[in-house]
Amino acid sequence: MNAVKKNKEQKFQKKVFNWWKENKRDLPWRKTINPYYIMIAEIMLQQTQVNRTIEKYNEFIERFPTIESLVEAEIVEVLRYWSGLGYNRRALWLHNAAKQIIEKGSFPKTPEELVKLKGIGSYTSRSILIFAFNEDLATIDTNIRRILVAEKFAEENAPEKELLKIASKLLPVGRSRDWHNALMDYGSLELTAAKTGIKPISKQPKYKSSKRFYRGVIVKFFTRKETADAIEIAENCEIPIEQLDEILQSLQKDGLIKKDDNNYSLP
């Protein structure tokens, strides 16, 4: 490796770690290396902000402290504890993934094994191995991508494959867990989108009054009520009647509700 380039990478590592020493966030999932807890946190964080996740994570692991307790739980209870995080199908995926792990007999230790679990893709598989086992792997999220671009290691239009290659070269061997925590804090608090002007590749759609919003309202409704017909759902959940059929069908397709005769309920 070019000596100048190597020196630049080492300076960058030192800068990030020095900043992190004074600014690290105190997050509950950073106080454990239990892979089951890490998996819960990573699936919760997939499409939910950190601040919204903290309370739900604490409640969830208190109620389901072991992977066995999650597998044995009724899906209605799992959804009840998940409610408020959005994208409720992630709760089904987590429940399903836990069953797959129990059936396997041990927690997966490679990205290839982890991506076979329901709801776990490339990013989440690598994150679980990094934070639970300190594996010398790199992974890319919105914050890390923004850092690589802002620090001139990558172009803004660089594909994910190239970003992953760059991130792997920057990884300090043996400190993967600390390094990724530091990068995520550095991107969230210091090199923010507002400060850098670097926009994320994908933008979250409007949530309030969206189909996703109403899907969450319906699932939450069914954690309190066993069965209901379409009219009762529309009235209680205040859903525009012209959107109701499409939303109910999408929930059925994802396995979040079922229909018997004219009544709907959780699976």
C-alpha atoms as a PDB file:
ATOM      1  CA  MET A   1       0.000   0.000   0.000  1.00  0.00           C
ATOM      2  CA  ASN A   2       1.168   3.507  -0.825  1.00  0.00           C
ATOM      3  CA  ALA A   3       2.803   5.035   2.294  1.00  0.00           C
ATOM      4  CA  VAL A   4       1.030   8.397   1.842  1.00  0.00           C
ATOM      5  CA  LYS A   5      -2.346   6.682   1.501  1.00  0.00           C
ATOM      6  CA  LYS A   6      -1.636   4.489   4.535  1.00  0.00           C
ATOM      7  CA  ASN A   7      -0.728   7.566   6.572  1.00  0.00           C
ATOM      8  CA  LYS A   8      -3.974   9.285   5.532  1.00  0.00           C
ATOM      9  CA  GLU A   9      -5.999   6.266   6.647  1.00  0.00           C
ATOM     10  CA  GLN A  10      -4.225   6.074  10.006  1.00  0.00           C
ATOM     11  CA  LYS A  11      -4.762   9.806  10.609  1.00  0.00           C
ATOM     12  CA  PHE A  12      -8.441   9.371   9.826  1.00  0.00           C
ATOM     13  CA  GLN A  13      -8.761   6.452  12.267  1.00  0.00           C
ATOM     14  CA  LYS A  14      -7.022   8.463  14.984  1.00  0.00           C
ATOM     15  CA  LYS A  15      -9.218  11.510  14.364  1.00  0.00           C
ATOM     16  CA  VAL A  16     -12.452   9.490  14.573  1.00  0.00           C
ATOM     17  CA  PHE A  17     -11.389   7.584  17.701  1.00  0.00           C
ATOM     18  CA  ASN A  18     -10.229  10.784  19.435  1.00  0.00           C
ATOM     19  CA  TRP A  19     -13.554  12.460  18.652  1.00  0.00           C
ATOM     20  CA  TRP A  20     -15.487   9.389  19.810  1.00  0.00           C
ATOM     21  CA  LYS A  21     -13.621   9.253  23.109  1.00  0.00           C
ATOM     22  CA  GLU A  22     -15.283  12.556  24.050  1.00  0.00           C
ATOM     23  CA  ASN A  23     -18.619  12.163  22.267  1.00  0.00           C
ATOM     24  CA  LYS A  24     -19.745   8.508  22.315  1.00  0.00           C
ATOM     25  CA  ARG A  25     -23.451   7.854  22.774  1.00  0.00           C
ATOM     26  CA  ASP A  26     -24.715   5.754  25.680  1.00  0.00           C
ATOM     27  CA  LEU A  27     -26.988   3.225  23.948  1.00  0.00           C
ATOM     28  CA  PRO A  28     -28.391   0.089  25.665  1.00  0.00           C
ATOM     29  CA  TRP A  29     -27.447  -2.381  22.919  1.00  0.00           C
ATOM     30  CA  ARG A  30     -23.818  -1.289  23.267  1.00  0.00           C
ATOM     31  CA  LYS A  31     -23.758  -2.735  26.787  1.00  0.00           C
ATOM     32  CA  THR A  32     -24.067  -6.321  25.548  1.00  0.00           C
ATOM     33  CA  ILE A  33     -22.401  -8.706  23.134  1.00  0.00           C
ATOM     34  CA  ASN A  34     -25.297 -11.182  23.334  1.00  0.00           C
ATOM     35  CA  PRO A  35     -25.985 -11.928  19.634  1.00  0.00           C
ATOM     36  CA  TYR A  36     -29.722 -12.350  20.280  1.00  0.00           C
ATOM     37  CA  TYR A  37     -29.948  -8.850  21.792  1.00  0.00           C
ATOM     38  CA  ILE A  38     -27.796  -7.423  19.015  1.00  0.00           C
ATOM     39  CA  MET A  39     -30.077  -9.033  16.419  1.00  0.00           C
ATOM     40  CA  ILE A  40     -33.136  -7.453  18.068  1.00  0.00           C
ATOM     41  CA  ALA A  41     -31.491  -4.018  18.086  1.00  0.00           C
ATOM     42  CA  GLU A  42     -30.311  -4.253  14.476  1.00  0.00           C
ATOM     43  CA  ILE A  43     -33.729  -5.305  13.165  1.00  0.00           C
ATOM     44  CA  MET A  44     -35.396  -2.541  15.190  1.00  0.00           C
ATOM     45  CA  LEU A  45     -32.915   0.012  13.846  1.00  0.00           C
ATOM     46  CA  GLN A  46     -33.405  -0.991  10.210  1.00  0.00           C
ATOM     47  CA  GLN A  47     -36.016   1.680   9.560  1.00  0.00           C
ATOM     48  CA  THR A  48     -36.464   3.410  12.920  1.00  0.00           C
ATOM     49  CA  GLN A  49     -34.553   6.309  14.477  1.00  0.00           C
ATOM     50  CA  VAL A  50     -32.245   5.577  17.411  1.00  0.00           C
ATOM     51  CA  ASN A  51     -34.169   7.716  19.925  1.00  0.00           C
ATOM     52  CA  ARG A  52     -37.451   5.944  19.152  1.00  0.00           C
ATOM     53  CA  THR A  53     -35.796   2.539  19.403  1.00  0.00           C
ATOM     54  CA  ILE A  54     -34.226   2.817  22.875  1.00  0.00           C
ATOM     55  CA  GLU A  55     -37.394   2.475  24.969  1.00  0.00           C
ATOM     56  CA  LYS A  56     -38.893  -0.247  22.760  1.00  0.00           C
ATOM     57  CA  TYR A  57     -35.636  -2.230  22.816  1.00  0.00           C
ATOM     58  CA  ASN A  58     -35.487  -2.127  26.627  1.00  0.00           C
ATOM     59  CA  GLU A  59     -39.127  -3.203  26.933  1.00  0.00           C
ATOM     60  CA  PHE A  60     -38.682  -5.959  24.365  1.00  0.00           C
ATOM     61  CA  ILE A  61     -35.656  -7.639  25.937  1.00  0.00           C
ATOM     62  CA  GLU A  62     -37.212  -7.357  29.387  1.00  0.00           C
ATOM     63  CA  ARG A  63     -40.268  -9.269  28.153  1.00  0.00           C
ATOM     64  CA  PHE A  64     -38.320 -11.652  25.884  1.00  0.00           C
ATOM     65  CA  PRO A  65     -34.953 -12.034  27.657  1.00  0.00           C
ATOM     66  CA  THR A  66     -33.972 -15.206  25.797  1.00  0.00           C
ATOM     67  CA  ILE A  67     -34.406 -16.396  22.254  1.00  0.00           C
ATOM     68  CA  GLU A  68     -36.470 -19.290  23.622  1.00  0.00           C
ATOM     69  CA  SER A  69     -38.907 -16.877  25.329  1.00  0.00           C
ATOM     70  CA  LEU A  70     -39.431 -15.074  22.026  1.00  0.00           C
ATOM     71  CA  VAL A  71     -40.057 -18.295  20.099  1.00  0.00           C
ATOM     72  CA  GLU A  72     -42.565 -19.496  22.701  1.00  0.00           C
ATOM     73  CA  ALA A  73     -44.515 -16.205  22.679  1.00  0.00           C
ATOM     74  CA  GLU A  74     -47.767 -15.696  20.797  1.00  0.00           C
ATOM     75  CA  ILE A  75     -47.349 -13.429  17.790  1.00  0.00           C
ATOM     76  CA  VAL A  76     -50.031 -11.064  19.143  1.00  0.00           C
ATOM     77  CA  GLU A  77     -47.830 -10.373  22.173  1.00  0.00           C
ATOM     78  CA  VAL A  78     -44.721  -9.893  20.042  1.00  0.00           C
ATOM     79  CA  LEU A  79     -46.618  -7.359  17.933  1.00  0.00           C
ATOM     80  CA  ARG A  80     -47.892  -5.642  21.060  1.00  0.00           C
ATOM     81  CA  TYR A  81     -44.340  -5.053  22.276  1.00  0.00           C
ATOM     82  CA  TRP A  82     -43.224  -4.034  18.788  1.00  0.00           C
ATOM     83  CA  SER A  83     -46.090  -1.604  18.233  1.00  0.00           C
ATOM     84  CA  GLY A  84     -44.865   1.961  17.808  1.00  0.00           C
ATOM     85  CA  LEU A  85     -41.713   1.086  15.873  1.00  0.00           C
ATOM     86  CA  GLY A  86     -43.438   0.871  12.499  1.00  0.00           C
ATOM     87  CA  TYR A  87     -42.908  -1.722   9.765  1.00  0.00           C
ATOM     88  CA  ASN A  88     -44.600  -4.358  11.920  1.00  0.00           C
ATOM     89  CA  ARG A  89     -43.673  -7.166   9.538  1.00  0.00           C
ATOM     90  CA  ARG A  90     -40.174  -6.865  11.036  1.00  0.00           C
ATOM     91  CA  ALA A  91     -41.633  -8.320  14.260  1.00  0.00           C
ATOM     92  CA  LEU A  92     -42.848 -11.347  12.294  1.00  0.00           C
ATOM     93  CA  TRP A  93     -39.440 -11.671  10.645  1.00  0.00           C
ATOM     94  CA  LEU A  94     -37.679 -11.497  14.018  1.00  0.00           C
ATOM     95  CA  HIS A  95     -39.990 -14.143  15.476  1.00  0.00           C
ATOM     96  CA  ASN A  96     -39.377 -16.333  12.431  1.00  0.00           C
ATOM     97  CA  ALA A  97     -35.584 -15.788  12.542  1.00  0.00           C
ATOM     98  CA  ALA A  98     -35.533 -16.795  16.222  1.00  0.00           C
ATOM     99  CA  LYS A  99     -37.317 -20.048  15.326  1.00  0.00           C
ATOM    100  CA  GLN A 100     -34.761 -20.721  12.578  1.00  0.00           C
ATOM    101  CA  ILE A 101     -31.890 -20.223  15.052  1.00  0.00           C
ATOM    102  CA  ILE A 102     -33.477 -22.579  17.601  1.00  0.00           C
ATOM    103  CA  GLU A 103     -33.972 -25.184  14.864  1.00  0.00           C
ATOM    104  CA  LYS A 104     -30.335 -24.785  13.802  1.00  0.00           C
ATOM    105  CA  GLY A 105     -29.154 -25.261  17.373  1.00  0.00           C
ATOM    106  CA  SER A 106     -26.667 -22.387  17.466  1.00  0.00           C
ATOM    107  CA  PHE A 107     -26.374 -18.742  16.492  1.00  0.00           C
ATOM    108  CA  PRO A 108     -25.065 -18.251  12.926  1.00  0.00           C
ATOM    109  CA  LYS A 109     -21.476 -16.996  12.740  1.00  0.00           C
ATOM    110  CA  THR A 110     -21.108 -15.963   9.086  1.00  0.00           C
ATOM    111  CA  PRO A 111     -22.886 -13.425   6.836  1.00  0.00           C
ATOM    112  CA  GLU A 112     -23.856 -16.282   4.509  1.00  0.00           C
ATOM    113  CA  GLU A 113     -25.644 -18.119   7.332  1.00  0.00           C
ATOM    114  CA  LEU A 114     -27.280 -14.987   8.742  1.00  0.00           C
ATOM    115  CA  VAL A 115     -28.816 -13.822   5.454  1.00  0.00           C
ATOM    116  CA  LYS A 116     -30.740 -17.093   5.358  1.00  0.00           C
ATOM    117  CA  LEU A 117     -32.722 -15.868   8.363  1.00  0.00           C
ATOM    118  CA  LYS A 118     -36.006 -14.076   7.736  1.00  0.00           C
ATOM    119  CA  GLY A 119     -35.635 -10.290   7.544  1.00  0.00           C
ATOM    120  CA  ILE A 120     -31.839 -10.225   7.634  1.00  0.00           C
ATOM    121  CA  GLY A 121     -29.989  -8.808   4.640  1.00  0.00           C
ATOM    122  CA  SER A 122     -26.350  -8.062   3.910  1.00  0.00           C
ATOM    123  CA  TYR A 123     -26.080  -4.947   6.115  1.00  0.00           C
ATOM    124  CA  THR A 124     -27.815  -6.467   9.141  1.00  0.00           C
ATOM    125  CA  SER A 125     -25.859  -9.740   8.896  1.00  0.00           C
ATOM    126  CA  ARG A 126     -22.552  -7.879   8.961  1.00  0.00           C
ATOM    127  CA  SER A 127     -23.700  -5.560  11.757  1.00  0.00           C
ATOM    128  CA  ILE A 128     -24.688  -8.487  13.987  1.00  0.00           C
ATOM    129  CA  LEU A 129     -21.267 -10.107  13.518  1.00  0.00           C
ATOM    130  CA  ILE A 130     -19.455  -6.809  14.101  1.00  0.00           C
ATOM    131  CA  PHE A 131     -21.280  -5.836  17.298  1.00  0.00           C
ATOM    132  CA  ALA A 132     -21.761  -9.305  18.792  1.00  0.00           C
ATOM    133  CA  PHE A 133     -18.470 -10.946  17.823  1.00  0.00           C
ATOM    134  CA  ASN A 134     -16.152  -8.043  16.885  1.00  0.00           C
ATOM    135  CA  GLU A 135     -15.598  -9.658  13.480  1.00  0.00           C
ATOM    136  CA  ASP A 136     -13.190  -7.827  11.171  1.00  0.00           C
ATOM    137  CA  LEU A 137     -15.896  -6.927   8.678  1.00  0.00           C
ATOM    138  CA  ALA A 138     -16.972  -3.595   7.235  1.00  0.00           C
ATOM    139  CA  THR A 139     -20.533  -2.491   6.651  1.00  0.00           C
ATOM    140  CA  ILE A 140     -22.147   0.589   5.116  1.00  0.00           C
ATOM    141  CA  ASP A 141     -25.099   2.581   6.409  1.00  0.00           C
ATOM    142  CA  THR A 142     -26.211   6.135   5.585  1.00  0.00           C
ATOM    143  CA  ASN A 143     -23.873   7.671   8.162  1.00  0.00           C
ATOM    144  CA  ILE A 144     -20.809   5.707   7.098  1.00  0.00           C
ATOM    145  CA  ARG A 145     -21.439   6.448   3.423  1.00  0.00           C
ATOM    146  CA  ARG A 146     -21.697  10.163   4.208  1.00  0.00           C
ATOM    147  CA  ILE A 147     -18.413  10.076   6.167  1.00  0.00           C
ATOM    148  CA  LEU A 148     -16.542   8.333   3.334  1.00  0.00           C
ATOM    149  CA  VAL A 149     -17.783  10.959   0.881  1.00  0.00           C
ATOM    150  CA  ALA A 150     -17.180  13.959   3.176  1.00  0.00           C
ATOM    151  CA  GLU A 151     -13.657  12.781   4.053  1.00  0.00           C
ATOM    152  CA  LYS A 152     -12.811  12.373   0.332  1.00  0.00           C
ATOM    153  CA  PHE A 153     -12.374   8.612   0.429  1.00  0.00           C
ATOM    154  CA  ALA A 154     -15.271   8.114  -2.002  1.00  0.00           C
ATOM    155  CA  GLU A 155     -17.339   9.960  -4.600  1.00  0.00           C
ATOM    156  CA  GLU A 156     -20.972  10.732  -3.809  1.00  0.00           C
ATOM    157  CA  ASN A 157     -22.176   8.491  -6.655  1.00  0.00           C
ATOM    158  CA  ALA A 158     -19.966   5.531  -5.647  1.00  0.00           C
ATOM    159  CA  PRO A 159     -21.888   2.197  -5.702  1.00  0.00           C
ATOM    160  CA  GLU A 160     -22.252   0.256  -2.465  1.00  0.00           C
ATOM    161  CA  LYS A 161     -19.800  -2.430  -3.605  1.00  0.00           C
ATOM    162  CA  GLU A 162     -17.065   0.191  -4.000  1.00  0.00           C
ATOM    163  CA  LEU A 163     -17.956   1.840  -0.671  1.00  0.00           C
ATOM    164  CA  LEU A 164     -17.682  -1.523   1.082  1.00  0.00           C
ATOM    165  CA  LYS A 165     -14.238  -2.065  -0.458  1.00  0.00           C
ATOM    166  CA  ILE A 166     -13.071   1.359   0.768  1.00  0.00           C
ATOM    167  CA  ALA A 167     -14.574   0.808   4.233  1.00  0.00           C
ATOM    168  CA  SER A 168     -12.781  -2.547   4.488  1.00  0.00           C
ATOM    169  CA  LYS A 169      -9.416  -0.873   3.846  1.00  0.00           C
ATOM    170  CA  LEU A 170     -10.111   1.714   6.554  1.00  0.00           C
ATOM    171  CA  LEU A 171     -11.068  -0.903   9.159  1.00  0.00           C
ATOM    172  CA  PRO A 172      -8.649  -1.083  12.127  1.00  0.00           C
ATOM    173  CA  VAL A 173      -8.051  -4.809  12.622  1.00  0.00           C
ATOM    174  CA  GLY A 174      -9.293  -6.132  15.951  1.00  0.00           C
ATOM    175  CA  ARG A 175     -11.402  -3.037  16.724  1.00  0.00           C
ATOM    176  CA  SER A 176     -14.346  -3.492  14.398  1.00  0.00           C
ATOM    177  CA  ARG A 177     -17.004  -3.073  17.115  1.00  0.00           C
ATOM    178  CA  ASP A 178     -15.523   0.184  18.460  1.00  0.00           C
ATOM    179  CA  TRP A 179     -14.771   1.467  14.961  1.00  0.00           C
ATOM    180  CA  HIS A 180     -18.319   1.074  13.675  1.00  0.00           C
ATOM    181  CA  ASN A 181     -19.827   2.546  16.851  1.00  0.00           C
ATOM    182  CA  ALA A 182     -17.450   5.501  16.474  1.00  0.00           C
ATOM    183  CA  LEU A 183     -18.299   5.993  12.797  1.00  0.00           C
ATOM    184  CA  MET A 184     -22.040   5.872  13.444  1.00  0.00           C
ATOM    185  CA  ASP A 185     -21.749   8.455  16.218  1.00  0.00           C
ATOM    186  CA  TYR A 186     -19.424  10.625  14.120  1.00  0.00           C
ATOM    187  CA  GLY A 187     -21.896  10.594  11.237  1.00  0.00           C
ATOM    188  CA  SER A 188     -24.967  11.107  13.423  1.00  0.00           C
ATOM    189  CA  LEU A 189     -23.575  13.933  15.571  1.00  0.00           C
ATOM    190  CA  GLU A 190     -20.666  15.537  13.700  1.00  0.00           C
ATOM    191  CA  LEU A 191     -20.687  14.942   9.939  1.00  0.00           C
ATOM    192  CA  THR A 192     -24.449  15.272   9.615  1.00  0.00           C
ATOM    193  CA  ALA A 193     -26.382  15.610   6.367  1.00  0.00           C
ATOM    194  CA  ALA A 194     -27.179  19.223   7.291  1.00  0.00           C
ATOM    195  CA  LYS A 195     -23.491  20.093   7.834  1.00  0.00           C
ATOM    196  CA  THR A 196     -22.105  18.255   4.809  1.00  0.00           C
ATOM    197  CA  GLY A 197     -24.943  18.750   2.337  1.00  0.00           C
ATOM    198  CA  ILE A 198     -24.570  15.097   1.342  1.00  0.00           C
ATOM    199  CA  LYS A 199     -27.994  13.633   0.736  1.00  0.00           C
ATOM    200  CA  PRO A 200     -28.916   9.994   1.439  1.00  0.00           C
ATOM    201  CA  ILE A 201     -29.458   7.767  -1.585  1.00  0.00           C
ATOM    202  CA  SER A 202     -33.028   7.026  -0.550  1.00  0.00           C
ATOM    203  CA  LYS A 203     -35.418   9.348   1.233  1.00  0.00           C
ATOM    204  CA  GLN A 204     -38.023   8.189   3.729  1.00  0.00           C
ATOM    205  CA  PRO A 205     -41.528   8.824   2.357  1.00  0.00           C
ATOM    206  CA  LYS A 206     -44.062  10.886   4.290  1.00  0.00           C
ATOM    207  CA  TYR A 207     -45.344   8.776   7.197  1.00  0.00           C
ATOM    208  CA  LYS A 208     -48.416  10.532   8.631  1.00  0.00           C
ATOM    209  CA  SER A 209     -51.600   9.450   6.818  1.00  0.00           C
ATOM    210  CA  SER A 210     -49.618   7.141   4.515  1.00  0.00           C
ATOM    211  CA  LYS A 211     -50.549   3.510   3.870  1.00  0.00           C
ATOM    212  CA  ARG A 212     -47.647   2.508   6.130  1.00  0.00           C
ATOM    213  CA  PHE A 213     -49.079   4.723   8.893  1.00  0.00           C
ATOM    214  CA  TYR A 214     -52.539   3.139   8.608  1.00  0.00           C
ATOM    215  CA  ARG A 215     -51.057  -0.369   8.524  1.00  0.00           C
ATOM    216  CA  GLY A 216     -49.444   0.341  11.900  1.00  0.00           C
ATOM    217  CA  VAL A 217     -52.686   1.733  13.302  1.00  0.00           C
ATOM    218  CA  ILE A 218     -54.563  -1.436  12.283  1.00  0.00           C
ATOM    219  CA  VAL A 219     -51.975  -3.775  13.802  1.00  0.00           C
ATOM    220  CA  LYS A 220     -52.020  -1.769  17.033  1.00  0.00           C
ATOM    221  CA  PHE A 221     -55.834  -1.921  17.028  1.00  0.00           C
ATOM    222  CA  PHE A 222     -55.710  -5.733  16.848  1.00  0.00           C
ATOM    223  CA  THR A 223     -53.323  -5.973  19.800  1.00  0.00           C
ATOM    224  CA  ARG A 224     -56.276  -4.638  21.826  1.00  0.00           C
ATOM    225  CA  LYS A 225     -59.200  -6.288  20.021  1.00  0.00           C
ATOM    226  CA  GLU A 226     -59.407  -9.926  18.935  1.00  0.00           C
ATOM    227  CA  THR A 227     -61.552  -9.653  15.789  1.00  0.00           C
ATOM    228  CA  ALA A 228     -63.295  -6.950  13.774  1.00  0.00           C
ATOM    229  CA  ASP A 229     -64.921  -6.505  10.394  1.00  0.00           C
ATOM    230  CA  ALA A 230     -63.850  -3.948   7.785  1.00  0.00           C
ATOM    231  CA  ILE A 231     -66.384  -1.308   8.841  1.00  0.00           C
ATOM    232  CA  GLU A 232     -65.316  -1.519  12.491  1.00  0.00           C
ATOM    233  CA  ILE A 233     -61.652  -1.274  11.463  1.00  0.00           C
ATOM    234  CA  ALA A 234     -62.305   1.808   9.302  1.00  0.00           C
ATOM    235  CA  GLU A 235     -64.245   3.548  12.074  1.00  0.00           C
ATOM    236  CA  ASN A 236     -61.836   2.771  14.920  1.00  0.00           C
ATOM    237  CA  CYS A 237     -58.666   3.397  12.935  1.00  0.00           C
ATOM    238  CA  GLU A 238     -60.030   6.429  11.054  1.00  0.00           C
ATOM    239  CA  ILE A 239     -58.932   5.107   7.679  1.00  0.00           C
ATOM    240  CA  PRO A 240     -60.291   6.603   4.433  1.00  0.00           C
ATOM    241  CA  ILE A 241     -62.730   3.995   3.153  1.00  0.00           C
ATOM    242  CA  GLU A 242     -61.312   4.193  -0.386  1.00  0.00           C
ATOM    243  CA  GLN A 243     -57.902   3.012   0.912  1.00  0.00           C
ATOM    244  CA  LEU A 244     -59.147   0.358   3.322  1.00  0.00           C
ATOM    245  CA  ASP A 245     -59.375  -2.657   0.992  1.00  0.00           C
ATOM    246  CA  GLU A 246     -55.871  -2.159  -0.414  1.00  0.00           C
ATOM    247  CA  ILE A 247     -54.373  -1.731   3.070  1.00  0.00           C
ATOM    248  CA  LEU A 248     -56.136  -4.824   4.449  1.00  0.00           C
ATOM    249  CA  GLN A 249     -54.986  -6.873   1.468  1.00  0.00           C
ATOM    250  CA  SER A 250     -51.379  -5.742   1.919  1.00  0.00           C
ATOM    251  CA  LEU A 251     -51.487  -6.703   5.618  1.00  0.00           C
ATOM    252  CA  GLN A 252     -52.854 -10.131   4.715  1.00  0.00           C
ATOM    253  CA  LYS A 253     -50.154 -10.588   2.069  1.00  0.00           C
ATOM    254  CA  ASP A 254     -47.442  -9.837   4.652  1.00  0.00           C
ATOM    255  CA  GLY A 255     -48.999 -12.243   7.162  1.00  0.00           C
ATOM    256  CA  LEU A 256     -49.803  -9.510   9.688  1.00  0.00           C
ATOM    257  CA  ILE A 257     -53.549 -10.170   9.734  1.00  0.00           C
ATOM    258  CA  LYS A 258     -55.842 -12.964   8.562  1.00  0.00           C
ATOM    259  CA  LYS A 259     -59.447 -13.034   7.371  1.00  0.00           C
ATOM    260  CA  ASP A 260     -62.118 -15.542   8.408  1.00  0.00           C
ATOM    261  CA  ASP A 261     -65.465 -14.985   6.697  1.00  0.00           C
ATOM    262  CA  ASN A 262     -65.939 -11.209   7.077  1.00  0.00           C
ATOM    263  CA  ASN A 263     -63.837 -10.772  10.181  1.00  0.00           C
ATOM    264  CA  TYR A 264     -60.146  -9.914  10.476  1.00  0.00           C
ATOM    265  CA  SER A 265     -57.695 -10.744  13.281  1.00  0.00           C
ATOM    266  CA  LEU A 266     -53.992 -11.154  13.959  1.00  0.00           C
ATOM    267  CA  PRO A 267     -52.557 -14.462  12.681  1.00  0.00           C
END
